[in-house]
Amino acid sequence: MKKITGLIRSIQVGLPEKDHPECQKEAPQKPWITGIFKRTVLGPVRLERHNLWGDGQADLVHHGGLDKAVCVYPSEHWAHWQDILPPHQLVGGAFGENFTLEGLTEAEVCIGDIFVVGSALVQISQPRQPCWKLARRWQIKDLAVQVERTGFTGWYFRVLQEGIVESTAAVQLTDRPFPQWTVARANQLMHQERDNRTAAEELSLCPLLSSSWQGTLRQRCRDQNPPDLAPRRFGDTDS
């Protein structure tokens, strides 16, 4: 197997907050609770099954859990977003991620990939599906849609072995059971090839794909009427 290694550029954690100061820079909006605003961790931090110490999610229905213990984003994508987001704010945690990586992108990693990170063992469970909270964090209404179109979504790790991690640590691939399902390919199927039911069924049968993605793809194969994506992408249109 080809040696594939990345680097943790920075680690971010944050607990849910109501009306974070960053949310008040624009016109008043409905109150919201979010954990998308993360702070950088200096030094080692413990990674447990559900999350990093000091991290949490406000919406435990759609975020967090065993399949979404760590949110990951590649720093390589910052170059694309410089014309859309404030360049000086494109730092670790800009996309609400826990691990800001360098050297690995969606085209280079696969569903089910297992990596050693510090003394922990993690596995890719699914691509990230951006929601309205990312859009509201940046005050760009269609940002979730833009992220989907680019495929620059990042992904989630589940934790196979708890341990200690820290920035500048290597992220070393140790096993790749499904090389045909890169995160980029899974993204393309979910967001661009919505009528490709044959591939949707094939991906849904991948046992290492998160249960939520498996369910969405199976529903797509059964249903002629696709679900309404607006609530995830845009949230409450009055907010």
Protein backbone atom coordinates (compact mmCIF):
# COMPACT_ATOMS: atom_id res chain seq x y z
CA MET A 1 0.00 0.00 0.00
CA LYS A 2 1.27 3.44 -0.94
CA LYS A 3 2.51 5.48 2.01
CA ILE A 4 0.03 8.29 2.63
CA THR A 5 0.72 10.80 5.36
CA GLY A 6 -0.72 14.16 6.35
CA LEU A 7 -0.09 16.57 9.18
CA ILE A 8 -2.34 18.11 11.80
CA ARG A 9 -1.81 21.80 11.24
CA SER A 10 -3.94 22.79 14.24
CA ILE A 11 -6.57 21.37 16.62
CA GLN A 12 -9.72 23.25 17.63
CA VAL A 13 -12.39 22.62 20.25
CA GLY A 14 -15.42 24.54 21.46
CA LEU A 15 -18.58 24.03 23.48
CA PRO A 16 -22.01 25.22 22.32
CA GLU A 17 -22.68 28.90 22.97
CA LYS A 18 -25.75 31.07 22.59
CA ASP A 19 -25.35 34.33 20.66
CA HIS A 20 -21.59 34.13 20.20
CA PRO A 21 -20.08 37.65 19.83
CA GLU A 22 -19.10 36.88 16.25
CA CYS A 23 -22.79 36.46 15.43
CA GLN A 24 -23.60 40.03 16.40
CA LYS A 25 -21.49 41.75 13.76
CA GLU A 26 -24.32 41.82 11.25
CA ALA A 27 -27.98 42.80 11.50
CA PRO A 28 -29.83 41.26 14.47
CA GLN A 29 -31.04 37.71 13.87
CA LYS A 30 -32.91 35.09 15.80
CA PRO A 31 -30.87 33.68 18.72
CA TRP A 32 -29.08 30.42 18.05
CA ILE A 33 -26.89 27.97 19.92
CA THR A 34 -23.84 26.65 18.11
CA GLY A 35 -20.49 25.00 18.69
CA ILE A 36 -19.10 26.09 15.32
CA PHE A 37 -16.82 28.73 16.84
CA LYS A 38 -13.71 26.81 17.90
CA ARG A 39 -10.57 27.85 19.76
CA THR A 40 -7.11 26.48 19.00
CA VAL A 41 -5.70 23.97 21.47
CA LEU A 42 -2.06 24.40 22.44
CA GLY A 43 -0.41 21.15 23.50
CA PRO A 44 -1.73 17.61 23.79
CA VAL A 45 -5.46 16.89 24.03
CA ARG A 46 -7.28 13.65 24.69
CA LEU A 47 -9.39 12.16 21.91
CA GLU A 48 -12.25 9.97 23.13
CA ARG A 49 -14.92 7.97 21.34
CA HIS A 50 -17.39 10.83 20.96
CA ASN A 51 -15.12 13.88 20.72
CA LEU A 52 -12.03 15.72 21.83
CA TRP A 53 -11.89 16.95 25.41
CA GLY A 54 -13.42 20.40 25.54
CA ASP A 55 -15.49 19.96 22.39
CA GLY A 56 -19.24 19.62 21.96
CA GLN A 57 -22.16 20.09 19.58
CA ALA A 58 -25.45 21.91 20.03
CA ASP A 59 -27.52 19.74 17.68
CA LEU A 60 -26.84 16.13 18.64
CA VAL A 61 -29.36 14.85 16.11
CA HIS A 62 -27.32 15.99 13.10
CA HIS A 63 -23.86 16.52 14.61
CA GLY A 64 -21.54 14.56 16.86
CA GLY A 65 -21.85 10.92 17.87
CA LEU A 66 -19.63 7.94 17.18
CA ASP A 67 -19.57 8.46 13.40
CA LYS A 68 -18.85 12.19 13.69
CA ALA A 69 -16.41 12.38 16.58
CA VAL A 70 -13.89 14.58 14.73
CA CYS A 71 -14.57 17.08 11.96
CA VAL A 72 -11.66 17.49 9.56
CA TYR A 73 -10.87 20.18 6.98
CA PRO A 74 -7.89 20.44 4.59
CA SER A 75 -6.00 23.72 4.69
CA GLU A 76 -5.26 23.29 0.96
CA HIS A 77 -8.75 24.66 0.27
CA TRP A 78 -8.05 28.07 1.82
CA ALA A 79 -6.67 29.28 -1.51
CA HIS A 80 -10.07 28.78 -3.11
CA TRP A 81 -11.98 30.59 -0.35
CA GLN A 82 -9.72 33.67 -0.26
CA ASP A 83 -11.94 35.48 -2.75
CA ILE A 84 -15.11 34.57 -0.83
CA LEU A 85 -14.21 34.70 2.87
CA PRO A 86 -11.98 37.24 4.68
CA PRO A 87 -8.44 35.97 3.94
CA HIS A 88 -7.10 36.98 7.36
CA GLN A 89 -9.74 34.77 9.00
CA LEU A 90 -8.83 31.66 7.01
CA VAL A 91 -7.12 29.93 9.90
CA GLY A 92 -7.63 26.68 11.78
CA GLY A 93 -11.29 26.26 12.73
CA ALA A 94 -12.59 28.58 10.00
CA PHE A 95 -14.98 25.84 8.89
CA GLY A 96 -15.83 24.72 12.41
CA GLU A 97 -13.44 21.78 12.13
CA ASN A 98 -11.54 20.06 14.93
CA PHE A 99 -8.53 18.97 12.88
CA THR A 100 -7.10 21.32 10.27
CA LEU A 101 -5.00 19.06 8.07
CA GLU A 102 -2.21 19.60 5.60
CA GLY A 103 -1.27 17.11 2.89
CA LEU A 104 -4.56 15.20 2.60
CA THR A 105 -7.64 16.16 0.60
CA GLU A 106 -10.94 14.54 -0.35
CA ALA A 107 -9.43 13.18 -3.56
CA GLU A 108 -6.68 11.36 -1.64
CA VAL A 109 -8.60 9.68 1.19
CA CYS A 110 -11.34 7.05 1.18
CA ILE A 111 -14.31 5.91 3.21
CA GLY A 112 -13.03 3.41 5.79
CA ASP A 113 -9.42 4.63 5.73
CA ILE A 114 -7.73 4.04 9.09
CA PHE A 115 -5.08 6.47 10.32
CA VAL A 116 -2.74 6.57 13.27
CA VAL A 117 -2.80 10.03 14.89
CA GLY A 118 -0.63 10.36 17.97
CA SER A 119 -1.63 7.42 20.19
CA ALA A 120 -5.15 7.31 18.72
CA LEU A 121 -6.59 5.35 15.81
CA VAL A 122 -9.25 7.00 13.64
CA GLN A 123 -11.32 6.01 10.60
CA ILE A 124 -13.07 8.04 7.90
CA SER A 125 -16.82 7.54 8.23
CA GLN A 126 -18.32 10.02 5.74
CA PRO A 127 -17.83 13.35 3.99
CA ARG A 128 -19.04 16.37 5.89
CA GLN A 129 -22.37 17.76 4.73
CA PRO A 130 -22.26 21.52 5.36
CA CYS A 131 -25.35 23.09 6.89
CA TRP A 132 -26.86 26.52 7.43
CA LYS A 133 -24.80 27.10 10.58
CA LEU A 134 -21.63 27.39 8.52
CA ALA A 135 -23.43 29.86 6.26
CA ARG A 136 -24.65 31.91 9.20
CA ARG A 137 -21.23 31.85 10.85
CA TRP A 138 -19.86 33.64 7.76
CA GLN A 139 -23.05 35.58 6.91
CA ILE A 140 -23.12 34.07 3.40
CA LYS A 141 -26.56 32.61 2.78
CA ASP A 142 -25.56 30.06 0.12
CA LEU A 143 -22.20 29.04 1.57
CA ALA A 144 -23.32 25.47 2.27
CA VAL A 145 -24.33 25.14 -1.38
CA GLN A 146 -21.00 26.57 -2.52
CA VAL A 147 -19.12 24.06 -0.37
CA GLU A 148 -21.14 21.20 -1.84
CA ARG A 149 -20.46 22.35 -5.40
CA THR A 150 -16.71 22.58 -4.89
CA GLY A 151 -16.50 19.24 -3.12
CA PHE A 152 -14.26 20.97 -0.55
CA THR A 153 -16.32 19.61 2.34
CA GLY A 154 -13.83 17.92 4.60
CA TRP A 155 -14.86 14.70 6.34
CA TYR A 156 -15.49 13.01 9.68
CA PHE A 157 -13.41 10.56 11.70
CA ARG A 158 -14.81 7.93 14.03
CA VAL A 159 -12.46 6.94 16.85
CA LEU A 160 -11.36 3.30 16.91
CA GLN A 161 -8.83 3.75 19.68
CA GLU A 162 -8.79 6.62 22.15
CA GLY A 163 -5.53 8.45 22.71
CA ILE A 164 -3.61 11.70 22.89
CA VAL A 165 -3.24 13.97 19.84
CA GLU A 166 -1.62 17.33 19.23
CA SER A 167 -0.86 19.75 16.42
CA THR A 168 2.11 18.97 14.14
CA ALA A 169 1.42 15.24 14.63
CA ALA A 170 1.52 13.01 11.57
CA VAL A 171 -1.67 11.43 10.22
CA GLN A 172 -0.47 8.08 8.83
CA LEU A 173 -2.65 5.75 6.75
CA THR A 174 -2.51 2.14 7.98
CA ASP A 175 -5.41 0.46 6.14
CA ARG A 176 -7.57 1.16 3.08
CA PRO A 177 -10.40 -1.38 2.68
CA PHE A 178 -12.41 0.58 0.08
CA PRO A 179 -10.04 2.35 -2.34
CA GLN A 180 -12.87 2.79 -4.87
CA TRP A 181 -14.76 5.16 -2.56
CA THR A 182 -12.73 8.32 -2.18
CA VAL A 183 -14.40 11.06 -0.17
CA ALA A 184 -14.45 13.10 -3.39
CA ARG A 185 -16.33 10.34 -5.21
CA ALA A 186 -18.82 9.96 -2.38
CA ASN A 187 -19.40 13.72 -2.44
CA GLN A 188 -19.95 13.70 -6.19
CA LEU A 189 -22.49 10.92 -5.89
CA MET A 190 -24.37 12.54 -3.02
CA HIS A 191 -24.50 16.07 -4.41
CA GLN A 192 -24.00 15.94 -8.18
CA GLU A 193 -25.17 12.52 -9.41
CA ARG A 194 -28.46 12.44 -7.57
CA ASP A 195 -30.11 10.25 -10.24
CA ASN A 196 -27.40 7.58 -10.19
CA ARG A 197 -29.29 5.04 -8.12
CA THR A 198 -27.02 2.15 -9.09
CA ALA A 199 -23.96 3.83 -7.59
CA ALA A 200 -26.02 5.07 -4.63
CA GLU A 201 -27.00 1.50 -3.81
CA GLU A 202 -23.41 0.33 -4.14
CA LEU A 203 -22.10 3.02 -1.80
CA SER A 204 -24.94 2.39 0.67
CA LEU A 205 -23.68 -1.19 1.05
CA CYS A 206 -20.24 -0.04 2.21
CA PRO A 207 -20.23 -1.26 5.83
CA LEU A 208 -17.79 1.43 7.00
CA LEU A 209 -19.90 4.31 5.69
CA SER A 210 -21.79 6.12 8.46
CA SER A 211 -25.29 4.85 9.18
CA SER A 212 -26.81 8.24 8.34
CA TRP A 213 -25.28 8.27 4.83
CA GLN A 214 -26.28 4.65 4.31
CA GLY A 215 -29.87 5.54 5.20
CA THR A 216 -29.95 8.61 2.94
CA LEU A 217 -28.64 6.64 -0.04
CA ARG A 218 -31.05 3.75 0.51
CA GLN A 219 -33.95 6.16 0.71
CA ARG A 220 -32.81 7.70 -2.56
CA CYS A 221 -32.88 4.27 -4.20
CA ARG A 222 -36.44 3.65 -2.98
CA ASP A 223 -37.89 7.13 -3.44
CA GLN A 224 -38.70 8.90 -6.65
CA ASN A 225 -39.21 12.15 -4.73
CA PRO A 226 -35.91 13.50 -3.35
CA PRO A 227 -35.93 15.05 0.12
CA ASP A 228 -36.05 18.82 0.52
CA LEU A 229 -32.46 20.01 1.04
CA ALA A 230 -33.37 23.60 1.91
CA PRO A 231 -33.71 23.07 5.69
CA ARG A 232 -30.15 21.73 5.96
CA ARG A 233 -28.65 24.24 3.57
CA PHE A 234 -30.53 27.37 4.64
CA GLY A 235 -32.17 26.57 7.99
CA ASP A 236 -35.01 28.79 9.10
CA THR A 237 -35.46 31.26 6.25
CA ASP A 238 -36.58 33.85 8.78
CA SER A 239 -33.43 33.60 10.85
